[in-house]
Amino acid sequence: MQKVGGKMKWIPQDVETYLNAKEYVDTAVIPIYSVSVGGDMKQSAAMAEFITLLTSHLERQFTGRLLLFPPFTYLKVEKTEKVLGDLQIWEENIVNSEFKHIFYITTEIEWRTHENEVDGSLIWLPSLPLEQMSDSQKMEMIDSQVKQLLILFTQKWHENG
């Protein structure tokens, strides 16, 4: 397993740091991806790898401002209403914990049709095929995606105060 540097991930030390600096950490980031078994398994794993690398890199850029939650995962075959209902329960709990901003990040295009059904900001990105790339190419690609997200996050922070 790849070790990811930075702070404010879903591990005890970082959660403790968050609890001690709650007034500064106002943003929750939740990766979303589906799990497919069978023919789509490899594509499912590739999308998960992309989202994991992207959100870890994003979290490093915003240490002290955001908390990276564990990914919201679901089986691709599950009914949309159930998946959406489960995500809304996550959202309700996160909002009740005084996070002002919630960002969902996904490569699943279907989520674009449901972005009005969650209060947080749903960000859809096309999954990039990292499999054939060297580590340095992967990081370059992820870095350019994160730069775009930084602009989006900053806009949302200003909009929502």
N, C-alpha and C. Protein backbone atom coordinates (compact mmCIF):
# COMPACT_ATOMS: atom_id res chain seq x y z
N MET A 1 0.83 -1.19 0.00
CA MET A 1 0.00 0.00 0.00
C MET A 1 0.88 1.25 0.00
N GLN A 2 0.49 2.21 -0.82
CA GLN A 2 1.28 3.42 -0.95
C GLN A 2 1.08 4.32 0.26
N LYS A 3 2.19 4.82 0.80
CA LYS A 3 2.08 5.73 1.94
C LYS A 3 1.79 7.13 1.41
N VAL A 4 0.80 7.76 1.98
CA VAL A 4 0.44 9.11 1.55
C VAL A 4 0.81 10.08 2.66
N GLY A 5 1.57 11.12 2.30
CA GLY A 5 1.99 12.10 3.30
C GLY A 5 0.89 13.11 3.58
N GLY A 6 1.22 14.13 4.36
CA GLY A 6 0.24 15.19 4.62
C GLY A 6 -0.55 14.94 5.89
N LYS A 7 -1.51 15.82 6.13
CA LYS A 7 -2.31 15.74 7.36
C LYS A 7 -3.79 15.73 7.05
N MET A 8 -4.58 15.50 8.09
CA MET A 8 -6.03 15.58 8.05
C MET A 8 -6.70 14.50 7.20
N LYS A 9 -6.25 13.29 7.40
CA LYS A 9 -6.90 12.13 6.80
C LYS A 9 -7.66 11.42 7.91
N TRP A 10 -8.38 10.40 7.55
CA TRP A 10 -9.21 9.67 8.50
C TRP A 10 -8.37 8.67 9.29
N ILE A 11 -7.44 9.19 10.07
CA ILE A 11 -6.64 8.36 10.97
C ILE A 11 -6.66 9.04 12.34
N PRO A 12 -6.48 8.27 13.44
CA PRO A 12 -6.67 8.84 14.78
C PRO A 12 -5.90 10.14 15.05
N GLN A 13 -4.59 10.20 14.69
CA GLN A 13 -3.82 11.41 15.00
C GLN A 13 -4.42 12.62 14.31
N ASP A 14 -4.81 12.45 13.03
CA ASP A 14 -5.32 13.58 12.27
C ASP A 14 -6.71 13.98 12.73
N VAL A 15 -7.51 13.02 13.13
CA VAL A 15 -8.84 13.34 13.66
C VAL A 15 -8.68 14.12 14.97
N GLU A 16 -7.69 13.74 15.77
CA GLU A 16 -7.43 14.48 17.01
C GLU A 16 -6.99 15.91 16.69
N THR A 17 -6.12 16.06 15.69
CA THR A 17 -5.70 17.40 15.26
C THR A 17 -6.91 18.20 14.83
N TYR A 18 -7.79 17.56 14.08
CA TYR A 18 -9.03 18.22 13.63
C TYR A 18 -9.87 18.67 14.83
N LEU A 19 -10.05 17.77 15.80
CA LEU A 19 -10.89 18.10 16.96
C LEU A 19 -10.32 19.28 17.74
N ASN A 20 -8.99 19.42 17.73
CA ASN A 20 -8.36 20.53 18.45
C ASN A 20 -8.35 21.83 17.64
N ALA A 21 -8.66 21.74 16.35
CA ALA A 21 -8.61 22.93 15.49
C ALA A 21 -9.89 23.06 14.68
N LYS A 22 -10.98 22.59 15.28
CA LYS A 22 -12.27 22.50 14.60
C LYS A 22 -12.72 23.81 13.95
N GLU A 23 -12.40 24.91 14.61
CA GLU A 23 -12.89 26.19 14.08
C GLU A 23 -12.22 26.58 12.76
N TYR A 24 -11.05 25.98 12.47
CA TYR A 24 -10.34 26.29 11.22
C TYR A 24 -10.65 25.28 10.13
N VAL A 25 -10.92 24.06 10.54
CA VAL A 25 -11.17 22.99 9.56
C VAL A 25 -12.67 22.95 9.29
N ASP A 26 -13.08 23.64 8.22
CA ASP A 26 -14.51 23.79 7.97
C ASP A 26 -15.00 23.03 6.74
N THR A 27 -14.11 22.24 6.13
CA THR A 27 -14.44 21.61 4.86
C THR A 27 -14.23 20.10 4.92
N ALA A 28 -15.26 19.37 4.49
CA ALA A 28 -15.17 17.92 4.39
C ALA A 28 -15.06 17.54 2.92
N VAL A 29 -14.12 16.66 2.61
CA VAL A 29 -13.98 16.15 1.24
C VAL A 29 -14.28 14.65 1.28
N ILE A 30 -15.23 14.25 0.42
CA ILE A 30 -15.64 12.85 0.39
C ILE A 30 -15.49 12.29 -1.02
N PRO A 31 -14.52 11.39 -1.22
CA PRO A 31 -14.42 10.73 -2.52
C PRO A 31 -15.61 9.78 -2.69
N ILE A 32 -16.13 9.68 -3.89
CA ILE A 32 -17.24 8.75 -4.16
C ILE A 32 -16.82 7.85 -5.32
N TYR A 33 -16.93 6.54 -5.11
CA TYR A 33 -16.77 5.64 -6.26
C TYR A 33 -17.53 4.34 -6.05
N SER A 34 -17.88 3.76 -7.19
CA SER A 34 -18.60 2.49 -7.14
C SER A 34 -17.63 1.34 -7.30
N VAL A 35 -18.07 0.19 -6.84
CA VAL A 35 -17.27 -1.03 -6.96
C VAL A 35 -18.04 -1.97 -7.89
N SER A 36 -17.36 -2.40 -8.93
CA SER A 36 -17.96 -3.38 -9.85
C SER A 36 -17.22 -4.69 -9.72
N VAL A 37 -17.97 -5.76 -9.80
CA VAL A 37 -17.36 -7.09 -9.76
C VAL A 37 -17.67 -7.72 -11.11
N GLY A 38 -16.69 -8.44 -11.65
CA GLY A 38 -16.91 -9.05 -12.96
C GLY A 38 -16.19 -8.27 -14.04
N GLY A 39 -16.83 -8.10 -15.18
CA GLY A 39 -16.20 -7.49 -16.35
C GLY A 39 -15.68 -6.09 -16.15
N ASP A 40 -16.35 -5.30 -15.30
CA ASP A 40 -15.95 -3.89 -15.11
C ASP A 40 -14.98 -3.71 -13.94
N MET A 41 -14.52 -4.81 -13.38
CA MET A 41 -13.71 -4.74 -12.16
C MET A 41 -12.45 -3.88 -12.35
N LYS A 42 -11.77 -4.06 -13.48
CA LYS A 42 -10.51 -3.34 -13.70
C LYS A 42 -10.76 -1.84 -13.85
N GLN A 43 -11.80 -1.49 -14.58
CA GLN A 43 -12.14 -0.07 -14.75
C GLN A 43 -12.54 0.54 -13.40
N SER A 44 -13.27 -0.21 -12.61
CA SER A 44 -13.69 0.22 -11.28
C SER A 44 -12.46 0.52 -10.41
N ALA A 45 -11.46 -0.38 -10.47
CA ALA A 45 -10.23 -0.20 -9.69
C ALA A 45 -9.44 1.01 -10.18
N ALA A 46 -9.43 1.23 -11.49
CA ALA A 46 -8.70 2.37 -12.07
C ALA A 46 -9.32 3.68 -11.62
N MET A 47 -10.66 3.74 -11.59
CA MET A 47 -11.34 4.95 -11.15
C MET A 47 -11.07 5.21 -9.66
N ALA A 48 -11.06 4.15 -8.88
CA ALA A 48 -10.78 4.27 -7.44
C ALA A 48 -9.35 4.78 -7.22
N GLU A 49 -8.40 4.27 -8.01
CA GLU A 49 -7.00 4.71 -7.88
C GLU A 49 -6.89 6.20 -8.18
N PHE A 50 -7.55 6.63 -9.25
CA PHE A 50 -7.49 8.03 -9.65
C PHE A 50 -8.05 8.94 -8.56
N ILE A 51 -9.24 8.62 -8.06
CA ILE A 51 -9.89 9.44 -7.03
C ILE A 51 -9.06 9.46 -5.74
N THR A 52 -8.49 8.31 -5.38
CA THR A 52 -7.67 8.23 -4.16
C THR A 52 -6.43 9.10 -4.26
N LEU A 53 -5.73 9.02 -5.39
CA LEU A 53 -4.53 9.85 -5.58
C LEU A 53 -4.90 11.33 -5.59
N LEU A 54 -5.96 11.64 -6.31
CA LEU A 54 -6.39 13.04 -6.44
C LEU A 54 -6.77 13.64 -5.09
N THR A 55 -7.61 12.96 -4.33
CA THR A 55 -8.08 13.52 -3.06
C THR A 55 -6.95 13.57 -2.02
N SER A 56 -6.03 12.61 -2.06
CA SER A 56 -4.88 12.65 -1.14
C SER A 56 -4.00 13.86 -1.43
N HIS A 57 -3.80 14.12 -2.72
CA HIS A 57 -2.98 15.26 -3.13
C HIS A 57 -3.68 16.57 -2.76
N LEU A 58 -4.96 16.61 -2.96
CA LEU A 58 -5.77 17.78 -2.61
C LEU A 58 -5.68 18.08 -1.12
N GLU A 59 -5.78 17.02 -0.34
CA GLU A 59 -5.73 17.15 1.12
C GLU A 59 -4.39 17.73 1.57
N ARG A 60 -3.30 17.36 0.90
CA ARG A 60 -1.99 17.90 1.25
C ARG A 60 -1.91 19.40 0.98
N GLN A 61 -2.61 19.85 -0.07
CA GLN A 61 -2.59 21.28 -0.42
C GLN A 61 -3.33 22.12 0.62
N PHE A 62 -4.29 21.52 1.29
CA PHE A 62 -5.15 22.27 2.20
C PHE A 62 -5.07 21.78 3.63
N THR A 63 -3.90 21.35 4.06
CA THR A 63 -3.73 20.92 5.44
C THR A 63 -4.20 22.03 6.36
N GLY A 64 -5.04 21.67 7.33
CA GLY A 64 -5.52 22.65 8.28
C GLY A 64 -6.80 23.34 7.86
N ARG A 65 -7.29 23.05 6.65
CA ARG A 65 -8.56 23.66 6.21
C ARG A 65 -9.60 22.58 5.94
N LEU A 66 -9.15 21.40 5.51
CA LEU A 66 -10.12 20.36 5.20
C LEU A 66 -9.76 19.02 5.82
N LEU A 67 -10.79 18.20 5.98
CA LEU A 67 -10.62 16.83 6.47
C LEU A 67 -11.06 15.90 5.35
N LEU A 68 -10.16 14.99 4.99
CA LEU A 68 -10.46 14.01 3.95
C LEU A 68 -11.12 12.80 4.61
N PHE A 69 -12.39 12.59 4.28
CA PHE A 69 -13.14 11.47 4.82
C PHE A 69 -12.81 10.19 4.07
N PRO A 70 -13.14 9.03 4.65
CA PRO A 70 -12.99 7.79 3.89
C PRO A 70 -13.94 7.85 2.69
N PRO A 71 -13.63 7.12 1.63
CA PRO A 71 -14.50 7.19 0.46
C PRO A 71 -15.89 6.61 0.72
N PHE A 72 -16.87 7.22 0.10
CA PHE A 72 -18.23 6.70 0.09
C PHE A 72 -18.27 5.72 -1.08
N THR A 73 -18.34 4.44 -0.76
CA THR A 73 -18.33 3.42 -1.82
C THR A 73 -19.64 2.66 -1.82
N TYR A 74 -19.99 2.19 -2.98
CA TYR A 74 -21.23 1.44 -3.14
C TYR A 74 -21.05 0.47 -4.30
N LEU A 75 -21.90 -0.55 -4.33
CA LEU A 75 -21.84 -1.50 -5.44
C LEU A 75 -22.54 -0.89 -6.64
N LYS A 76 -21.92 -1.00 -7.79
CA LYS A 76 -22.47 -0.42 -9.02
C LYS A 76 -23.89 -0.92 -9.29
N VAL A 77 -24.19 -2.15 -8.87
CA VAL A 77 -25.51 -2.74 -9.14
C VAL A 77 -26.61 -2.25 -8.18
N GLU A 78 -26.23 -1.50 -7.14
CA GLU A 78 -27.24 -1.03 -6.19
C GLU A 78 -28.18 -0.01 -6.83
N LYS A 79 -29.39 0.06 -6.33
CA LYS A 79 -30.38 1.02 -6.84
C LYS A 79 -29.96 2.44 -6.47
N THR A 80 -30.15 3.34 -7.41
CA THR A 80 -29.77 4.75 -7.22
C THR A 80 -30.39 5.35 -5.97
N GLU A 81 -31.68 5.09 -5.74
CA GLU A 81 -32.38 5.68 -4.60
C GLU A 81 -31.71 5.28 -3.28
N LYS A 82 -31.30 4.02 -3.19
CA LYS A 82 -30.66 3.54 -1.96
C LYS A 82 -29.31 4.23 -1.77
N VAL A 83 -28.52 4.29 -2.84
CA VAL A 83 -27.20 4.90 -2.76
C VAL A 83 -27.32 6.37 -2.38
N LEU A 84 -28.23 7.07 -3.02
CA LEU A 84 -28.44 8.48 -2.75
C LEU A 84 -28.92 8.69 -1.30
N GLY A 85 -29.82 7.85 -0.86
CA GLY A 85 -30.31 7.90 0.52
C GLY A 85 -29.17 7.73 1.53
N ASP A 86 -28.29 6.76 1.25
CA ASP A 86 -27.14 6.52 2.13
C ASP A 86 -26.22 7.75 2.17
N LEU A 87 -25.99 8.35 1.00
CA LEU A 87 -25.11 9.53 0.95
C LEU A 87 -25.75 10.70 1.70
N GLN A 88 -27.06 10.84 1.58
CA GLN A 88 -27.74 11.93 2.29
C GLN A 88 -27.64 11.76 3.81
N ILE A 89 -27.60 10.52 4.28
CA ILE A 89 -27.41 10.26 5.72
C ILE A 89 -26.00 10.70 6.13
N TRP A 90 -24.99 10.37 5.31
CA TRP A 90 -23.62 10.84 5.57
C TRP A 90 -23.62 12.36 5.68
N GLU A 91 -24.26 12.98 4.69
CA GLU A 91 -24.25 14.45 4.61
C GLU A 91 -24.89 15.07 5.86
N GLU A 92 -26.02 14.53 6.25
CA GLU A 92 -26.72 15.04 7.43
C GLU A 92 -25.82 14.98 8.67
N ASN A 93 -25.12 13.86 8.84
CA ASN A 93 -24.22 13.70 9.98
C ASN A 93 -23.05 14.67 9.92
N ILE A 94 -22.51 14.88 8.73
CA ILE A 94 -21.36 15.77 8.56
C ILE A 94 -21.77 17.22 8.82
N VAL A 95 -22.93 17.62 8.30
CA VAL A 95 -23.45 18.97 8.54
C VAL A 95 -23.69 19.18 10.04
N ASN A 96 -24.23 18.18 10.71
CA ASN A 96 -24.48 18.27 12.15
C ASN A 96 -23.19 18.36 12.96
N SER A 97 -22.08 17.98 12.34
CA SER A 97 -20.77 18.09 13.01
C SER A 97 -20.10 19.43 12.71
N GLU A 98 -20.88 20.36 12.19
CA GLU A 98 -20.44 21.75 12.00
C GLU A 98 -19.46 21.99 10.87
N PHE A 99 -19.43 21.11 9.87
CA PHE A 99 -18.65 21.41 8.67
C PHE A 99 -19.48 22.38 7.84
N LYS A 100 -18.86 23.47 7.39
CA LYS A 100 -19.59 24.48 6.59
C LYS A 100 -19.64 24.09 5.12
N HIS A 101 -18.62 23.38 4.66
CA HIS A 101 -18.53 23.05 3.24
C HIS A 101 -18.30 21.55 3.07
N ILE A 102 -19.03 20.97 2.12
CA ILE A 102 -18.82 19.56 1.80
C ILE A 102 -18.59 19.46 0.30
N PHE A 103 -17.51 18.79 -0.07
CA PHE A 103 -17.21 18.55 -1.48
C PHE A 103 -17.20 17.04 -1.71
N TYR A 104 -17.99 16.61 -2.67
CA TYR A 104 -17.98 15.21 -3.11
C TYR A 104 -17.20 15.18 -4.42
N ILE A 105 -16.26 14.25 -4.52
CA ILE A 105 -15.46 14.17 -5.75
C ILE A 105 -15.62 12.76 -6.33
N THR A 106 -16.03 12.72 -7.60
CA THR A 106 -16.31 11.43 -8.23
C THR A 106 -15.93 11.44 -9.71
N THR A 107 -15.75 10.26 -10.25
CA THR A 107 -15.56 10.12 -11.70
C THR A 107 -16.79 9.46 -12.33
N GLU A 108 -17.78 9.17 -11.50
CA GLU A 108 -18.98 8.49 -11.97
C GLU A 108 -19.93 9.52 -12.58
N ILE A 109 -20.10 9.49 -13.88
CA ILE A 109 -20.88 10.51 -14.57
C ILE A 109 -22.35 10.56 -14.13
N GLU A 110 -22.89 9.42 -13.69
CA GLU A 110 -24.30 9.38 -13.26
C GLU A 110 -24.59 10.38 -12.14
N TRP A 111 -23.58 10.67 -11.33
CA TRP A 111 -23.79 11.58 -10.20
C TRP A 111 -24.16 12.98 -10.64
N ARG A 112 -23.79 13.34 -11.88
CA ARG A 112 -24.11 14.69 -12.36
C ARG A 112 -25.62 14.93 -12.39
N THR A 113 -26.38 13.87 -12.59
CA THR A 113 -27.84 14.03 -12.64
C THR A 113 -28.45 14.12 -11.24
N HIS A 114 -27.65 13.93 -10.22
CA HIS A 114 -28.16 13.96 -8.84
C HIS A 114 -27.55 15.07 -8.00
N GLU A 115 -26.80 15.98 -8.64
CA GLU A 115 -26.09 16.99 -7.84
C GLU A 115 -27.02 17.92 -7.09
N ASN A 116 -28.27 18.06 -7.55
CA ASN A 116 -29.23 18.92 -6.84
C ASN A 116 -29.87 18.22 -5.65
N GLU A 117 -29.58 16.93 -5.50
CA GLU A 117 -30.20 16.17 -4.40
C GLU A 117 -29.30 16.08 -3.17
N VAL A 118 -28.15 16.72 -3.25
CA VAL A 118 -27.27 16.82 -2.08
C VAL A 118 -26.97 18.30 -1.86
N ASP A 119 -26.73 18.68 -0.61
CA ASP A 119 -26.44 20.08 -0.32
C ASP A 119 -24.99 20.44 -0.59
N GLY A 120 -24.11 19.46 -0.49
CA GLY A 120 -22.70 19.72 -0.74
C GLY A 120 -22.44 19.96 -2.23
N SER A 121 -21.21 20.33 -2.56
CA SER A 121 -20.82 20.56 -3.95
C SER A 121 -20.33 19.24 -4.54
N LEU A 122 -21.00 18.81 -5.60
CA LEU A 122 -20.61 17.57 -6.26
C LEU A 122 -19.70 17.91 -7.44
N ILE A 123 -18.51 17.38 -7.41
CA ILE A 123 -17.55 17.66 -8.48
C ILE A 123 -17.30 16.37 -9.25
N TRP A 124 -17.62 16.42 -10.53
CA TRP A 124 -17.38 15.27 -11.39
C TRP A 124 -16.14 15.55 -12.23
N LEU A 125 -15.25 14.57 -12.28
CA LEU A 125 -14.05 14.67 -13.12
C LEU A 125 -13.94 13.40 -13.94
N PRO A 126 -13.54 13.50 -15.19
CA PRO A 126 -13.31 12.27 -15.95
C PRO A 126 -12.10 11.55 -15.37
N SER A 127 -12.21 10.24 -15.27
CA SER A 127 -11.09 9.45 -14.74
C SER A 127 -9.98 9.40 -15.78
N LEU A 128 -8.77 9.66 -15.33
CA LEU A 128 -7.64 9.61 -16.26
C LEU A 128 -6.98 8.23 -16.18
N PRO A 129 -6.58 7.69 -17.32
CA PRO A 129 -5.98 6.35 -17.33
C PRO A 129 -4.53 6.39 -16.82
N LEU A 130 -4.36 6.15 -15.52
CA LEU A 130 -3.03 6.27 -14.91
C LEU A 130 -2.17 5.03 -15.11
N GLU A 131 -2.81 3.93 -15.46
CA GLU A 131 -2.15 2.63 -15.49
C GLU A 131 -0.87 2.60 -16.33
N GLN A 132 -0.89 3.25 -17.48
CA GLN A 132 0.27 3.22 -18.39
C GLN A 132 1.31 4.29 -18.09
N MET A 133 1.04 5.11 -17.08
CA MET A 133 1.94 6.24 -16.80
C MET A 133 2.99 5.91 -15.76
N SER A 134 4.12 6.61 -15.86
CA SER A 134 5.14 6.51 -14.82
C SER A 134 4.64 7.28 -13.60
N ASP A 135 5.29 7.07 -12.47
CA ASP A 135 4.87 7.78 -11.25
C ASP A 135 4.95 9.29 -11.42
N SER A 136 6.01 9.76 -12.11
CA SER A 136 6.15 11.21 -12.28
C SER A 136 5.07 11.75 -13.22
N GLN A 137 4.70 11.00 -14.25
CA GLN A 137 3.61 11.42 -15.14
C GLN A 137 2.28 11.46 -14.38
N LYS A 138 2.07 10.43 -13.53
CA LYS A 138 0.85 10.39 -12.72
C LYS A 138 0.74 11.65 -11.86
N MET A 139 1.84 11.99 -11.18
CA MET A 139 1.82 13.14 -10.28
C MET A 139 1.62 14.45 -11.04
N GLU A 140 2.19 14.54 -12.22
CA GLU A 140 2.03 15.74 -13.05
C GLU A 140 0.55 15.90 -13.44
N MET A 141 -0.05 14.81 -13.83
CA MET A 141 -1.45 14.80 -14.24
C MET A 141 -2.36 15.16 -13.05
N ILE A 142 -2.10 14.53 -11.91
CA ILE A 142 -2.89 14.77 -10.70
C ILE A 142 -2.72 16.23 -10.26
N ASP A 143 -1.49 16.70 -10.34
CA ASP A 143 -1.18 18.07 -9.94
C ASP A 143 -1.99 19.09 -10.76
N SER A 144 -2.09 18.87 -12.05
CA SER A 144 -2.84 19.82 -12.88
C SER A 144 -4.34 19.75 -12.57
N GLN A 145 -4.84 18.56 -12.25
CA GLN A 145 -6.25 18.42 -11.84
C GLN A 145 -6.50 19.16 -10.52
N VAL A 146 -5.58 19.00 -9.57
CA VAL A 146 -5.73 19.63 -8.26
C VAL A 146 -5.71 21.14 -8.40
N LYS A 147 -4.87 21.68 -9.28
CA LYS A 147 -4.83 23.13 -9.50
C LYS A 147 -6.20 23.65 -9.92
N GLN A 148 -6.89 22.90 -10.78
CA GLN A 148 -8.24 23.29 -11.20
C GLN A 148 -9.22 23.22 -10.02
N LEU A 149 -9.06 22.19 -9.20
CA LEU A 149 -9.94 22.05 -8.04
C LEU A 149 -9.73 23.19 -7.04
N LEU A 150 -8.48 23.64 -6.91
CA LEU A 150 -8.18 24.72 -5.97
C LEU A 150 -9.00 25.96 -6.31
N ILE A 151 -9.11 26.25 -7.60
CA ILE A 151 -9.87 27.41 -8.06
C ILE A 151 -11.34 27.23 -7.68
N LEU A 152 -11.86 26.04 -7.94
CA LEU A 152 -13.25 25.73 -7.65
C LEU A 152 -13.54 25.82 -6.15
N PHE A 153 -12.66 25.25 -5.34
CA PHE A 153 -12.83 25.28 -3.88
C PHE A 153 -12.85 26.73 -3.39
N THR A 154 -11.89 27.52 -3.87
CA THR A 154 -11.80 28.91 -3.44
C THR A 154 -13.07 29.67 -3.80
N GLN A 155 -13.61 29.44 -5.00
CA GLN A 155 -14.87 30.09 -5.41
C GLN A 155 -15.98 29.72 -4.44
N LYS A 156 -16.11 28.42 -4.13
CA LYS A 156 -17.18 27.95 -3.25
C LYS A 156 -17.03 28.52 -1.85
N TRP A 157 -15.77 28.60 -1.36
CA TRP A 157 -15.54 29.15 -0.03
C TRP A 157 -16.01 30.61 0.03
N HIS A 158 -15.72 31.37 -1.03
CA HIS A 158 -16.13 32.78 -1.06
C HIS A 158 -17.64 32.93 -1.17
N GLU A 159 -18.26 32.09 -2.01
CA GLU A 159 -19.71 32.11 -2.18
C GLU A 159 -20.44 31.83 -0.87
N ASN A 160 -19.96 30.80 -0.16
CA ASN A 160 -20.66 30.35 1.04
C ASN A 160 -20.19 31.00 2.33
N GLY A 161 -19.22 31.87 2.22
CA GLY A 161 -18.74 32.63 3.40
C GLY A 161 -18.00 31.85 4.41
